[in-house]
Amino acid sequence: MALAPFRLRWFEEPTDPLDYELLAEVAGEYAPPLERRGWGRKSVLPHGGNQMTLAIVGGFGLGGCEAYPSVFGVFAGFGDDAKIEDGFIRLPDRPGIGFEGQRRLYEIMRRLTDGA
């Protein structure tokens, strides 16, 4: 494989993430370890860049999450009061996922549920 010289431990979705057979085949062909050493919770960094991802990381004790708040508009980012310091953010004290802490997103959610 062309990626082998880089000895990557992980690369994003070389195939459909639900195609376990093909993923196993890729792992069998790729010499650097993808599965052999196992993955602890701190090795898992989901992406999504939003309150849901932050809640998942905190709830499951994962290693962190990618964040790109300007990519998905109102559905991205964290609470309006979130402070990122040295590349880290703390979980808010709000219960649940915390959409209420994102004023613009909360307004959309309220409009969607007002008629329910």
PDB file of N, CA and C in Angstrom:
ATOM      1  N   MET A   1       0.841  -1.190   0.000  1.00  0.00           N
ATOM      2  CA  MET A   1       0.000   0.000   0.000  1.00  0.00           C
ATOM      3  C   MET A   1       0.883   1.249   0.000  1.00  0.00           C
ATOM      4  N   ALA A   2       0.441   2.265  -0.698  1.00  0.00           N
ATOM      5  CA  ALA A   2       1.208   3.499  -0.813  1.00  0.00           C
ATOM      6  C   ALA A   2       1.361   4.216   0.526  1.00  0.00           C
ATOM      7  N   LEU A   3       0.448   3.994   1.462  1.00  0.00           N
ATOM      8  CA  LEU A   3       0.518   4.663   2.760  1.00  0.00           C
ATOM      9  C   LEU A   3       1.479   3.995   3.737  1.00  0.00           C
ATOM     10  N   ALA A   4       1.893   2.777   3.468  1.00  0.00           N
ATOM     11  CA  ALA A   4       2.721   2.006   4.403  1.00  0.00           C
ATOM     12  C   ALA A   4       3.984   2.739   4.869  1.00  0.00           C
ATOM     13  N   PRO A   5       4.718   3.432   4.003  1.00  0.00           N
ATOM     14  CA  PRO A   5       5.939   4.105   4.475  1.00  0.00           C
ATOM     15  C   PRO A   5       5.687   5.164   5.556  1.00  0.00           C
ATOM     16  N   PHE A   6       4.466   5.663   5.651  1.00  0.00           N
ATOM     17  CA  PHE A   6       4.155   6.683   6.652  1.00  0.00           C
ATOM     18  C   PHE A   6       3.885   6.097   8.036  1.00  0.00           C
ATOM     19  N   ARG A   7       3.708   4.766   8.118  1.00  0.00           N
ATOM     20  CA  ARG A   7       3.454   4.049   9.378  1.00  0.00           C
ATOM     21  C   ARG A   7       2.346   4.702  10.212  1.00  0.00           C
ATOM     22  N   LEU A   8       1.283   5.073   9.544  1.00  0.00           N
ATOM     23  CA  LEU A   8       0.138   5.675  10.224  1.00  0.00           C
ATOM     24  C   LEU A   8      -0.548   4.639  11.097  1.00  0.00           C
ATOM     25  N   ARG A   9      -0.980   5.025  12.265  1.00  0.00           N
ATOM     26  CA  ARG A   9      -1.758   4.122  13.115  1.00  0.00           C
ATOM     27  C   ARG A   9      -3.228   4.167  12.723  1.00  0.00           C
ATOM     28  N   TRP A  10      -3.603   5.210  12.023  1.00  0.00           N
ATOM     29  CA  TRP A  10      -5.006   5.382  11.665  1.00  0.00           C
ATOM     30  C   TRP A  10      -5.095   6.303  10.465  1.00  0.00           C
ATOM     31  N   PHE A  11      -6.040   6.034   9.606  1.00  0.00           N
ATOM     32  CA  PHE A  11      -6.385   6.979   8.562  1.00  0.00           C
ATOM     33  C   PHE A  11      -7.882   6.904   8.376  1.00  0.00           C
ATOM     34  N   GLU A  12      -8.454   8.022   8.002  1.00  0.00           N
ATOM     35  CA  GLU A  12      -9.902   8.148   8.016  1.00  0.00           C
ATOM     36  C   GLU A  12     -10.576   7.426   6.865  1.00  0.00           C
ATOM     37  N   GLU A  13     -11.455   6.524   7.235  1.00  0.00           N
ATOM     38  CA  GLU A  13     -12.372   5.848   6.323  1.00  0.00           C
ATOM     39  C   GLU A  13     -11.767   5.467   4.973  1.00  0.00           C
ATOM     40  N   PRO A  14     -10.874   4.483   4.972  1.00  0.00           N
ATOM     41  CA  PRO A  14     -10.339   4.020   3.691  1.00  0.00           C
ATOM     42  C   PRO A  14     -11.402   3.311   2.854  1.00  0.00           C
ATOM     43  N   THR A  15     -12.533   3.031   3.480  1.00  0.00           N
ATOM     44  CA  THR A  15     -13.662   2.381   2.826  1.00  0.00           C
ATOM     45  C   THR A  15     -14.926   2.766   3.583  1.00  0.00           C
ATOM     46  N   ASP A  16     -16.044   2.279   3.161  1.00  0.00           N
ATOM     47  CA  ASP A  16     -17.281   2.514   3.892  1.00  0.00           C
ATOM     48  C   ASP A  16     -17.080   2.028   5.331  1.00  0.00           C
ATOM     49  N   PRO A  17     -17.361   2.860   6.338  1.00  0.00           N
ATOM     50  CA  PRO A  17     -17.099   2.463   7.720  1.00  0.00           C
ATOM     51  C   PRO A  17     -17.880   1.240   8.189  1.00  0.00           C
ATOM     52  N   LEU A  18     -18.969   0.910   7.520  1.00  0.00           N
ATOM     53  CA  LEU A  18     -19.753  -0.266   7.913  1.00  0.00           C
ATOM     54  C   LEU A  18     -19.382  -1.521   7.133  1.00  0.00           C
ATOM     55  N   ASP A  19     -18.429  -1.419   6.219  1.00  0.00           N
ATOM     56  CA  ASP A  19     -17.972  -2.577   5.458  1.00  0.00           C
ATOM     57  C   ASP A  19     -16.835  -3.247   6.228  1.00  0.00           C
ATOM     58  N   TYR A  20     -17.197  -3.992   7.264  1.00  0.00           N
ATOM     59  CA  TYR A  20     -16.217  -4.593   8.164  1.00  0.00           C
ATOM     60  C   TYR A  20     -15.303  -5.578   7.449  1.00  0.00           C
ATOM     61  N   GLU A  21     -15.831  -6.286   6.489  1.00  0.00           N
ATOM     62  CA  GLU A  21     -15.016  -7.249   5.738  1.00  0.00           C
ATOM     63  C   GLU A  21     -13.901  -6.529   4.966  1.00  0.00           C
ATOM     64  N   LEU A  22     -14.247  -5.456   4.283  1.00  0.00           N
ATOM     65  CA  LEU A  22     -13.239  -4.710   3.532  1.00  0.00           C
ATOM     66  C   LEU A  22     -12.258  -4.003   4.477  1.00  0.00           C
ATOM     67  N   LEU A  23     -12.751  -3.489   5.610  1.00  0.00           N
ATOM     68  CA  LEU A  23     -11.852  -2.884   6.588  1.00  0.00           C
ATOM     69  C   LEU A  23     -10.854  -3.908   7.117  1.00  0.00           C
ATOM     70  N   ALA A  24     -11.308  -5.127   7.360  1.00  0.00           N
ATOM     71  CA  ALA A  24     -10.403  -6.197   7.806  1.00  0.00           C
ATOM     72  C   ALA A  24      -9.379  -6.509   6.717  1.00  0.00           C
ATOM     73  N   GLU A  25      -9.813  -6.481   5.463  1.00  0.00           N
ATOM     74  CA  GLU A  25      -8.885  -6.724   4.352  1.00  0.00           C
ATOM     75  C   GLU A  25      -7.814  -5.628   4.286  1.00  0.00           C
ATOM     76  N   VAL A  26      -8.231  -4.367   4.446  1.00  0.00           N
ATOM     77  CA  VAL A  26      -7.274  -3.260   4.453  1.00  0.00           C
ATOM     78  C   VAL A  26      -6.282  -3.445   5.602  1.00  0.00           C
ATOM     79  N   ALA A  27      -6.786  -3.782   6.782  1.00  0.00           N
ATOM     80  CA  ALA A  27      -5.906  -3.998   7.941  1.00  0.00           C
ATOM     81  C   ALA A  27      -4.944  -5.150   7.696  1.00  0.00           C
ATOM     82  N   GLY A  28      -5.376  -6.167   6.957  1.00  0.00           N
ATOM     83  CA  GLY A  28      -4.515  -7.302   6.639  1.00  0.00           C
ATOM     84  C   GLY A  28      -3.424  -6.947   5.639  1.00  0.00           C
ATOM     85  N   GLU A  29      -3.685  -5.991   4.768  1.00  0.00           N
ATOM     86  CA  GLU A  29      -2.725  -5.583   3.742  1.00  0.00           C
ATOM     87  C   GLU A  29      -1.780  -4.487   4.213  1.00  0.00           C
ATOM     88  N   TYR A  30      -2.228  -3.724   5.166  1.00  0.00           N
ATOM     89  CA  TYR A  30      -1.450  -2.571   5.638  1.00  0.00           C
ATOM     90  C   TYR A  30      -0.527  -3.029   6.764  1.00  0.00           C
ATOM     91  N   ALA A  31       0.768  -2.952   6.546  1.00  0.00           N
ATOM     92  CA  ALA A  31       1.736  -3.522   7.488  1.00  0.00           C
ATOM     93  C   ALA A  31       1.745  -2.863   8.872  1.00  0.00           C
ATOM     94  N   PRO A  32       1.786  -1.517   8.995  1.00  0.00           N
ATOM     95  CA  PRO A  32       1.774  -0.951  10.351  1.00  0.00           C
ATOM     96  C   PRO A  32       0.503  -1.355  11.090  1.00  0.00           C
ATOM     97  N   PRO A  33       0.587  -1.503  12.401  1.00  0.00           N
ATOM     98  CA  PRO A  33      -0.570  -2.012  13.161  1.00  0.00           C
ATOM     99  C   PRO A  33      -1.755  -1.049  13.170  1.00  0.00           C
ATOM    100  N   LEU A  34      -2.911  -1.557  12.772  1.00  0.00           N
ATOM    101  CA  LEU A  34      -4.159  -0.812  12.881  1.00  0.00           C
ATOM    102  C   LEU A  34      -4.992  -1.416  14.015  1.00  0.00           C
ATOM    103  N   GLU A  35      -4.854  -2.707  14.259  1.00  0.00           N
ATOM    104  CA  GLU A  35      -5.703  -3.384  15.246  1.00  0.00           C
ATOM    105  C   GLU A  35      -4.890  -4.112  16.301  1.00  0.00           C
ATOM    106  N   ARG A  36      -3.689  -4.514  15.972  1.00  0.00           N
ATOM    107  CA  ARG A  36      -2.905  -5.403  16.822  1.00  0.00           C
ATOM    108  C   ARG A  36      -2.724  -4.872  18.250  1.00  0.00           C
ATOM    109  N   ARG A  37      -2.499  -3.597  18.408  1.00  0.00           N
ATOM    110  CA  ARG A  37      -2.251  -3.029  19.736  1.00  0.00           C
ATOM    111  C   ARG A  37      -3.538  -2.650  20.460  1.00  0.00           C
ATOM    112  N   GLY A  38      -4.629  -2.711  19.785  1.00  0.00           N
ATOM    113  CA  GLY A  38      -5.899  -2.342  20.400  1.00  0.00           C
ATOM    114  C   GLY A  38      -6.049  -0.834  20.516  1.00  0.00           C
ATOM    115  N   TRP A  39      -7.237  -0.436  20.832  1.00  0.00           N
ATOM    116  CA  TRP A  39      -7.538   0.980  20.961  1.00  0.00           C
ATOM    117  C   TRP A  39      -8.197   1.208  22.310  1.00  0.00           C
ATOM    118  N   GLY A  40      -7.554   1.992  23.149  1.00  0.00           N
ATOM    119  CA  GLY A  40      -8.168   2.398  24.398  1.00  0.00           C
ATOM    120  C   GLY A  40      -9.088   3.573  24.150  1.00  0.00           C
ATOM    121  N   ARG A  41      -9.878   3.891  25.133  1.00  0.00           N
ATOM    122  CA  ARG A  41     -10.816   5.012  24.991  1.00  0.00           C
ATOM    123  C   ARG A  41     -10.104   6.319  24.672  1.00  0.00           C
ATOM    124  N   LYS A  42      -8.933   6.527  25.235  1.00  0.00           N
ATOM    125  CA  LYS A  42      -8.213   7.782  25.015  1.00  0.00           C
ATOM    126  C   LYS A  42      -7.675   7.894  23.591  1.00  0.00           C
ATOM    127  N   SER A  43      -7.703   6.798  22.827  1.00  0.00           N
ATOM    128  CA  SER A  43      -7.263   6.831  21.435  1.00  0.00           C
ATOM    129  C   SER A  43      -8.383   7.221  20.478  1.00  0.00           C
ATOM    130  N   VAL A  44      -9.598   7.293  20.982  1.00  0.00           N
ATOM    131  CA  VAL A  44     -10.756   7.584  20.141  1.00  0.00           C
ATOM    132  C   VAL A  44     -11.066   9.078  20.212  1.00  0.00           C
ATOM    133  N   LEU A  45     -11.034   9.735  19.054  1.00  0.00           N
ATOM    134  CA  LEU A  45     -11.319  11.165  18.949  1.00  0.00           C
ATOM    135  C   LEU A  45     -12.354  11.384  17.850  1.00  0.00           C
ATOM    136  N   PRO A  46     -13.645  11.290  18.185  1.00  0.00           N
ATOM    137  CA  PRO A  46     -14.666  11.464  17.148  1.00  0.00           C
ATOM    138  C   PRO A  46     -14.666  12.871  16.587  1.00  0.00           C
ATOM    139  N   HIS A  47     -15.161  12.994  15.362  1.00  0.00           N
ATOM    140  CA  HIS A  47     -15.270  14.327  14.794  1.00  0.00           C
ATOM    141  C   HIS A  47     -16.728  14.703  14.644  1.00  0.00           C
ATOM    142  N   GLY A  48     -16.951  15.932  14.536  1.00  0.00           N
ATOM    143  CA  GLY A  48     -18.290  16.478  14.441  1.00  0.00           C
ATOM    144  C   GLY A  48     -18.277  17.938  14.817  1.00  0.00           C
ATOM    145  N   GLY A  49     -17.424  18.290  15.766  1.00  0.00           N
ATOM    146  CA  GLY A  49     -17.257  19.688  16.129  1.00  0.00           C
ATOM    147  C   GLY A  49     -18.503  20.346  16.661  1.00  0.00           C
ATOM    148  N   ASN A  50     -19.230  19.653  17.538  1.00  0.00           N
ATOM    149  CA  ASN A  50     -20.450  20.241  18.070  1.00  0.00           C
ATOM    150  C   ASN A  50     -20.699  19.772  19.501  1.00  0.00           C
ATOM    151  N   GLN A  51     -21.772  20.281  20.095  1.00  0.00           N
ATOM    152  CA  GLN A  51     -22.124  19.931  21.469  1.00  0.00           C
ATOM    153  C   GLN A  51     -22.329  18.430  21.646  1.00  0.00           C
ATOM    154  N   MET A  52     -22.924  17.771  20.663  1.00  0.00           N
ATOM    155  CA  MET A  52     -23.182  16.328  20.756  1.00  0.00           C
ATOM    156  C   MET A  52     -21.861  15.573  20.877  1.00  0.00           C
ATOM    157  N   THR A  53     -20.893  15.926  20.047  1.00  0.00           N
ATOM    158  CA  THR A  53     -19.594  15.259  20.094  1.00  0.00           C
ATOM    159  C   THR A  53     -18.923  15.499  21.432  1.00  0.00           C
ATOM    160  N   LEU A  54     -18.989  16.714  21.934  1.00  0.00           N
ATOM    161  CA  LEU A  54     -18.394  17.028  23.220  1.00  0.00           C
ATOM    162  C   LEU A  54     -19.033  16.203  24.335  1.00  0.00           C
ATOM    163  N   ALA A  55     -20.354  16.055  24.305  1.00  0.00           N
ATOM    164  CA  ALA A  55     -21.059  15.261  25.309  1.00  0.00           C
ATOM    165  C   ALA A  55     -20.666  13.786  25.214  1.00  0.00           C
ATOM    166  N   ILE A  56     -20.515  13.270  24.004  1.00  0.00           N
ATOM    167  CA  ILE A  56     -20.112  11.876  23.808  1.00  0.00           C
ATOM    168  C   ILE A  56     -18.717  11.651  24.366  1.00  0.00           C
ATOM    169  N   VAL A  57     -17.798  12.559  24.075  1.00  0.00           N
ATOM    170  CA  VAL A  57     -16.425  12.444  24.567  1.00  0.00           C
ATOM    171  C   VAL A  57     -16.403  12.447  26.093  1.00  0.00           C
ATOM    172  N   GLY A  58     -17.142  13.375  26.693  1.00  0.00           N
ATOM    173  CA  GLY A  58     -17.188  13.442  28.152  1.00  0.00           C
ATOM    174  C   GLY A  58     -17.866  12.235  28.768  1.00  0.00           C
ATOM    175  N   GLY A  59     -18.970  11.804  28.180  1.00  0.00           N
ATOM    176  CA  GLY A  59     -19.733  10.683  28.719  1.00  0.00           C
ATOM    177  C   GLY A  59     -18.999   9.356  28.662  1.00  0.00           C
ATOM    178  N   PHE A  60     -18.250   9.142  27.596  1.00  0.00           N
ATOM    179  CA  PHE A  60     -17.540   7.875  27.431  1.00  0.00           C
ATOM    180  C   PHE A  60     -16.064   7.955  27.808  1.00  0.00           C
ATOM    181  N   GLY A  61     -15.603   9.126  28.227  1.00  0.00           N
ATOM    182  CA  GLY A  61     -14.202   9.274  28.624  1.00  0.00           C
ATOM    183  C   GLY A  61     -13.228   9.080  27.477  1.00  0.00           C
ATOM    184  N   LEU A  62     -13.579   9.630  26.310  1.00  0.00           N
ATOM    185  CA  LEU A  62     -12.722   9.486  25.131  1.00  0.00           C
ATOM    186  C   LEU A  62     -11.591  10.508  25.161  1.00  0.00           C
ATOM    187  N   GLY A  63     -10.678  10.403  24.211  1.00  0.00           N
ATOM    188  CA  GLY A  63      -9.478  11.234  24.211  1.00  0.00           C
ATOM    189  C   GLY A  63      -9.688  12.674  23.804  1.00  0.00           C
ATOM    190  N   GLY A  64     -10.757  12.982  23.126  1.00  0.00           N
ATOM    191  CA  GLY A  64     -11.007  14.339  22.672  1.00  0.00           C
ATOM    192  C   GLY A  64     -11.878  14.321  21.445  1.00  0.00           C
ATOM    193  N   CYS A  65     -12.064  15.473  20.841  1.00  0.00           N
ATOM    194  CA  CYS A  65     -12.860  15.535  19.621  1.00  0.00           C
ATOM    195  C   CYS A  65     -12.337  16.638  18.719  1.00  0.00           C
ATOM    196  N   GLU A  66     -12.512  16.412  17.439  1.00  0.00           N
ATOM    197  CA  GLU A  66     -12.197  17.457  16.468  1.00  0.00           C
ATOM    198  C   GLU A  66     -13.267  18.534  16.570  1.00  0.00           C
ATOM    199  N   ALA A  67     -12.886  19.735  16.295  1.00  0.00           N
ATOM    200  CA  ALA A  67     -13.861  20.817  16.272  1.00  0.00           C
ATOM    201  C   ALA A  67     -13.552  21.748  15.119  1.00  0.00           C
ATOM    202  N   TYR A  68     -14.558  22.040  14.344  1.00  0.00           N
ATOM    203  CA  TYR A  68     -14.429  22.995  13.245  1.00  0.00           C
ATOM    204  C   TYR A  68     -15.711  23.810  13.218  1.00  0.00           C
ATOM    205  N   PRO A  69     -15.808  24.755  14.155  1.00  0.00           N
ATOM    206  CA  PRO A  69     -17.055  25.467  14.367  1.00  0.00           C
ATOM    207  C   PRO A  69     -17.586  26.280  13.203  1.00  0.00           C
ATOM    208  N   SER A  70     -16.784  26.627  12.231  1.00  0.00           N
ATOM    209  CA  SER A  70     -17.298  27.459  11.145  1.00  0.00           C
ATOM    210  C   SER A  70     -17.787  26.652   9.942  1.00  0.00           C
ATOM    211  N   VAL A  71     -17.726  25.332  10.007  1.00  0.00           N
ATOM    212  CA  VAL A  71     -18.041  24.509   8.845  1.00  0.00           C
ATOM    213  C   VAL A  71     -19.535  24.213   8.696  1.00  0.00           C
ATOM    214  N   PHE A  72     -20.243  23.939   9.780  1.00  0.00           N
ATOM    215  CA  PHE A  72     -21.633  23.504   9.693  1.00  0.00           C
ATOM    216  C   PHE A  72     -22.628  24.532  10.210  1.00  0.00           C
ATOM    217  N   GLY A  73     -22.238  25.782  10.155  1.00  0.00           N
ATOM    218  CA  GLY A  73     -23.144  26.851  10.556  1.00  0.00           C
ATOM    219  C   GLY A  73     -23.630  26.704  11.978  1.00  0.00           C
ATOM    220  N   VAL A  74     -24.911  26.923  12.173  1.00  0.00           N
ATOM    221  CA  VAL A  74     -25.507  26.919  13.505  1.00  0.00           C
ATOM    222  C   VAL A  74     -25.423  25.550  14.181  1.00  0.00           C
ATOM    223  N   PHE A  75     -25.257  24.481  13.424  1.00  0.00           N
ATOM    224  CA  PHE A  75     -25.195  23.138  14.002  1.00  0.00           C
ATOM    225  C   PHE A  75     -23.801  22.776  14.519  1.00  0.00           C
ATOM    226  N   ALA A  76     -22.840  23.639  14.300  1.00  0.00           N
ATOM    227  CA  ALA A  76     -21.472  23.378  14.734  1.00  0.00           C
ATOM    228  C   ALA A  76     -21.145  24.180  15.983  1.00  0.00           C
ATOM    229  N   GLY A  77     -20.010  23.907  16.541  1.00  0.00           N
ATOM    230  CA  GLY A  77     -19.527  24.682  17.672  1.00  0.00           C
ATOM    231  C   GLY A  77     -20.073  24.197  18.991  1.00  0.00           C
ATOM    232  N   PHE A  78     -19.746  24.977  20.007  1.00  0.00           N
ATOM    233  CA  PHE A  78     -20.099  24.619  21.367  1.00  0.00           C
ATOM    234  C   PHE A  78     -20.963  25.715  21.957  1.00  0.00           C
ATOM    235  N   GLY A  79     -21.235  25.646  23.243  1.00  0.00           N
ATOM    236  CA  GLY A  79     -22.073  26.629  23.902  1.00  0.00           C
ATOM    237  C   GLY A  79     -21.524  28.040  23.717  1.00  0.00           C
ATOM    238  N   ASP A  80     -22.430  28.999  23.721  1.00  0.00           N
ATOM    239  CA  ASP A  80     -22.027  30.393  23.537  1.00  0.00           C
ATOM    240  C   ASP A  80     -21.040  30.854  24.613  1.00  0.00           C
ATOM    241  N   ASP A  81     -21.078  30.220  25.769  1.00  0.00           N
ATOM    242  CA  ASP A  81     -20.194  30.600  26.871  1.00  0.00           C
ATOM    243  C   ASP A  81     -18.924  29.746  26.938  1.00  0.00           C
ATOM    244  N   ALA A  82     -18.713  28.886  25.946  1.00  0.00           N
ATOM    245  CA  ALA A  82     -17.545  27.990  25.952  1.00  0.00           C
ATOM    246  C   ALA A  82     -16.255  28.796  25.807  1.00  0.00           C
ATOM    247  N   LYS A  83     -15.258  28.367  26.548  1.00  0.00           N
ATOM    248  CA  LYS A  83     -13.940  28.999  26.466  1.00  0.00           C
ATOM    249  C   LYS A  83     -12.927  27.925  26.104  1.00  0.00           C
ATOM    250  N   ILE A  84     -12.240  28.146  25.010  1.00  0.00           N
ATOM    251  CA  ILE A  84     -11.190  27.226  24.591  1.00  0.00           C
ATOM    252  C   ILE A  84      -9.867  27.801  25.084  1.00  0.00           C
ATOM    253  N   GLU A  85      -9.165  27.025  25.890  1.00  0.00           N
ATOM    254  CA  GLU A  85      -7.898  27.465  26.458  1.00  0.00           C
ATOM    255  C   GLU A  85      -6.826  26.440  26.156  1.00  0.00           C
ATOM    256  N   ASP A  86      -5.779  26.874  25.490  1.00  0.00           N
ATOM    257  CA  ASP A  86      -4.669  25.985  25.106  1.00  0.00           C
ATOM    258  C   ASP A  86      -5.155  24.768  24.324  1.00  0.00           C
ATOM    259  N   GLY A  87      -6.170  24.962  23.498  1.00  0.00           N
ATOM    260  CA  GLY A  87      -6.685  23.883  22.665  1.00  0.00           C
ATOM    261  C   GLY A  87      -7.653  22.950  23.372  1.00  0.00           C
ATOM    262  N   PHE A  88      -8.048  23.270  24.607  1.00  0.00           N
ATOM    263  CA  PHE A  88      -8.944  22.415  25.373  1.00  0.00           C
ATOM    264  C   PHE A  88     -10.205  23.175  25.754  1.00  0.00           C
ATOM    265  N   ILE A  89     -11.271  22.410  25.949  1.00  0.00           N
ATOM    266  CA  ILE A  89     -12.541  22.974  26.385  1.00  0.00           C
ATOM    267  C   ILE A  89     -13.068  22.091  27.509  1.00  0.00           C
ATOM    268  N   ARG A  90     -13.690  22.693  28.480  1.00  0.00           N
ATOM    269  CA  ARG A  90     -14.281  21.930  29.581  1.00  0.00           C
ATOM    270  C   ARG A  90     -15.741  21.631  29.264  1.00  0.00           C
ATOM    271  N   LEU A  91     -16.225  20.535  29.810  1.00  0.00           N
ATOM    272  CA  LEU A  91     -17.645  20.227  29.663  1.00  0.00           C
ATOM    273  C   LEU A  91     -18.458  21.272  30.409  1.00  0.00           C
ATOM    274  N   PRO A  92     -19.589  21.690  29.845  1.00  0.00           N
ATOM    275  CA  PRO A  92     -20.423  22.666  30.550  1.00  0.00           C
ATOM    276  C   PRO A  92     -21.136  22.004  31.729  1.00  0.00           C
ATOM    277  N   ASP A  93     -21.614  22.809  32.645  1.00  0.00           N
ATOM    278  CA  ASP A  93     -22.375  22.312  33.796  1.00  0.00           C
ATOM    279  C   ASP A  93     -23.830  22.036  33.441  1.00  0.00           C
ATOM    280  N   ARG A  94     -24.253  22.447  32.257  1.00  0.00           N
ATOM    281  CA  ARG A  94     -25.640  22.225  31.838  1.00  0.00           C
ATOM    282  C   ARG A  94     -25.917  20.726  31.706  1.00  0.00           C
ATOM    283  N   PRO A  95     -27.124  20.304  32.041  1.00  0.00           N
ATOM    284  CA  PRO A  95     -27.460  18.882  31.864  1.00  0.00           C
ATOM    285  C   PRO A  95     -27.666  18.550  30.380  1.00  0.00           C
ATOM    286  N   GLY A  96     -27.557  17.285  30.061  1.00  0.00           N
ATOM    287  CA  GLY A  96     -27.823  16.822  28.703  1.00  0.00           C
ATOM    288  C   GLY A  96     -26.762  17.234  27.715  1.00  0.00           C
ATOM    289  N   ILE A  97     -27.147  17.306  26.471  1.00  0.00           N
ATOM    290  CA  ILE A  97     -26.219  17.639  25.394  1.00  0.00           C
ATOM    291  C   ILE A  97     -25.856  19.111  25.418  1.00  0.00           C
ATOM    292  N   GLY A  98     -26.766  19.946  25.875  1.00  0.00           N
ATOM    293  CA  GLY A  98     -26.442  21.355  26.054  1.00  0.00           C
ATOM    294  C   GLY A  98     -26.798  22.260  24.902  1.00  0.00           C
ATOM    295  N   PHE A  99     -27.715  21.834  24.024  1.00  0.00           N
ATOM    296  CA  PHE A  99     -28.097  22.704  22.911  1.00  0.00           C
ATOM    297  C   PHE A  99     -28.632  24.050  23.407  1.00  0.00           C
ATOM    298  N   GLU A 100     -29.188  24.027  24.625  1.00  0.00           N
ATOM    299  CA  GLU A 100     -29.725  25.277  25.163  1.00  0.00           C
ATOM    300  C   GLU A 100     -28.645  26.345  25.323  1.00  0.00           C
ATOM    301  N   GLY A 101     -27.401  25.922  25.379  1.00  0.00           N
ATOM    302  CA  GLY A 101     -26.287  26.852  25.521  1.00  0.00           C
ATOM    303  C   GLY A 101     -25.856  27.487  24.214  1.00  0.00           C
ATOM    304  N   GLN A 102     -26.459  27.068  23.110  1.00  0.00           N
ATOM    305  CA  GLN A 102     -26.184  27.663  21.796  1.00  0.00           C
ATOM    306  C   GLN A 102     -27.448  28.390  21.363  1.00  0.00           C
ATOM    307  N   ARG A 103     -27.501  29.665  21.625  1.00  0.00           N
ATOM    308  CA  ARG A 103     -28.721  30.446  21.415  1.00  0.00           C
ATOM    309  C   ARG A 103     -29.345  30.247  20.037  1.00  0.00           C
ATOM    310  N   ARG A 104     -28.550  30.368  18.972  1.00  0.00           N
ATOM    311  CA  ARG A 104     -29.098  30.266  17.609  1.00  0.00           C
ATOM    312  C   ARG A 104     -29.641  28.867  17.325  1.00  0.00           C
ATOM    313  N   LEU A 105     -28.941  27.837  17.774  1.00  0.00           N
ATOM    314  CA  LEU A 105     -29.410  26.465  17.556  1.00  0.00           C
ATOM    315  C   LEU A 105     -30.650  26.186  18.404  1.00  0.00           C
ATOM    316  N   TYR A 106     -30.653  26.672  19.629  1.00  0.00           N
ATOM    317  CA  TYR A 106     -31.800  26.462  20.511  1.00  0.00           C
ATOM    318  C   TYR A 106     -33.055  27.094  19.922  1.00  0.00           C
ATOM    319  N   GLU A 107     -32.903  28.261  19.304  1.00  0.00           N
ATOM    320  CA  GLU A 107     -34.056  28.914  18.671  1.00  0.00           C
ATOM    321  C   GLU A 107     -34.642  28.026  17.574  1.00  0.00           C
ATOM    322  N   ILE A 108     -33.805  27.397  16.794  1.00  0.00           N
ATOM    323  CA  ILE A 108     -34.269  26.488  15.736  1.00  0.00           C
ATOM    324  C   ILE A 108     -34.979  25.285  16.356  1.00  0.00           C
ATOM    325  N   MET A 109     -34.378  24.705  17.379  1.00  0.00           N
ATOM    326  CA  MET A 109     -34.971  23.530  18.037  1.00  0.00           C
ATOM    327  C   MET A 109     -36.344  23.890  18.631  1.00  0.00           C
ATOM    328  N   ARG A 110     -36.440  25.056  19.237  1.00  0.00           N
ATOM    329  CA  ARG A 110     -37.726  25.485  19.809  1.00  0.00           C
ATOM    330  C   ARG A 110     -38.796  25.630  18.729  1.00  0.00           C
ATOM    331  N   ARG A 111     -38.429  26.244  17.599  1.00  0.00           N
ATOM    332  CA  ARG A 111     -39.396  26.406  16.500  1.00  0.00           C
ATOM    333  C   ARG A 111     -39.875  25.052  15.996  1.00  0.00           C
ATOM    334  N   LEU A 112     -38.956  24.088  15.934  1.00  0.00           N
ATOM    335  CA  LEU A 112     -39.316  22.756  15.445  1.00  0.00           C
ATOM    336  C   LEU A 112     -40.248  22.015  16.383  1.00  0.00           C
ATOM    337  N   THR A 113     -40.131  22.290  17.670  1.00  0.00           N
ATOM    338  CA  THR A 113     -40.941  21.546  18.648  1.00  0.00           C
ATOM    339  C   THR A 113     -42.144  22.309  19.171  1.00  0.00           C
ATOM    340  N   ASP A 114     -42.262  23.596  18.883  1.00  0.00           N
ATOM    341  CA  ASP A 114     -43.400  24.374  19.384  1.00  0.00           C
ATOM    342  C   ASP A 114     -44.732  23.821  18.913  1.00  0.00           C
ATOM    343  N   GLY A 115     -44.792  23.308  17.721  1.00  0.00           N
ATOM    344  CA  GLY A 115     -46.050  22.788  17.184  1.00  0.00           C
ATOM    345  C   GLY A 115     -46.305  21.337  17.552  1.00  0.00           C
ATOM    346  N   ALA A 116     -45.365  20.703  18.239  1.00  0.00           N
ATOM    347  CA  ALA A 116     -45.510  19.277  18.555  1.00  0.00           C
ATOM    348  C   ALA A 116     -46.481  19.045  19.692  1.00  0.00           C
TER     349      ALA A 116
END
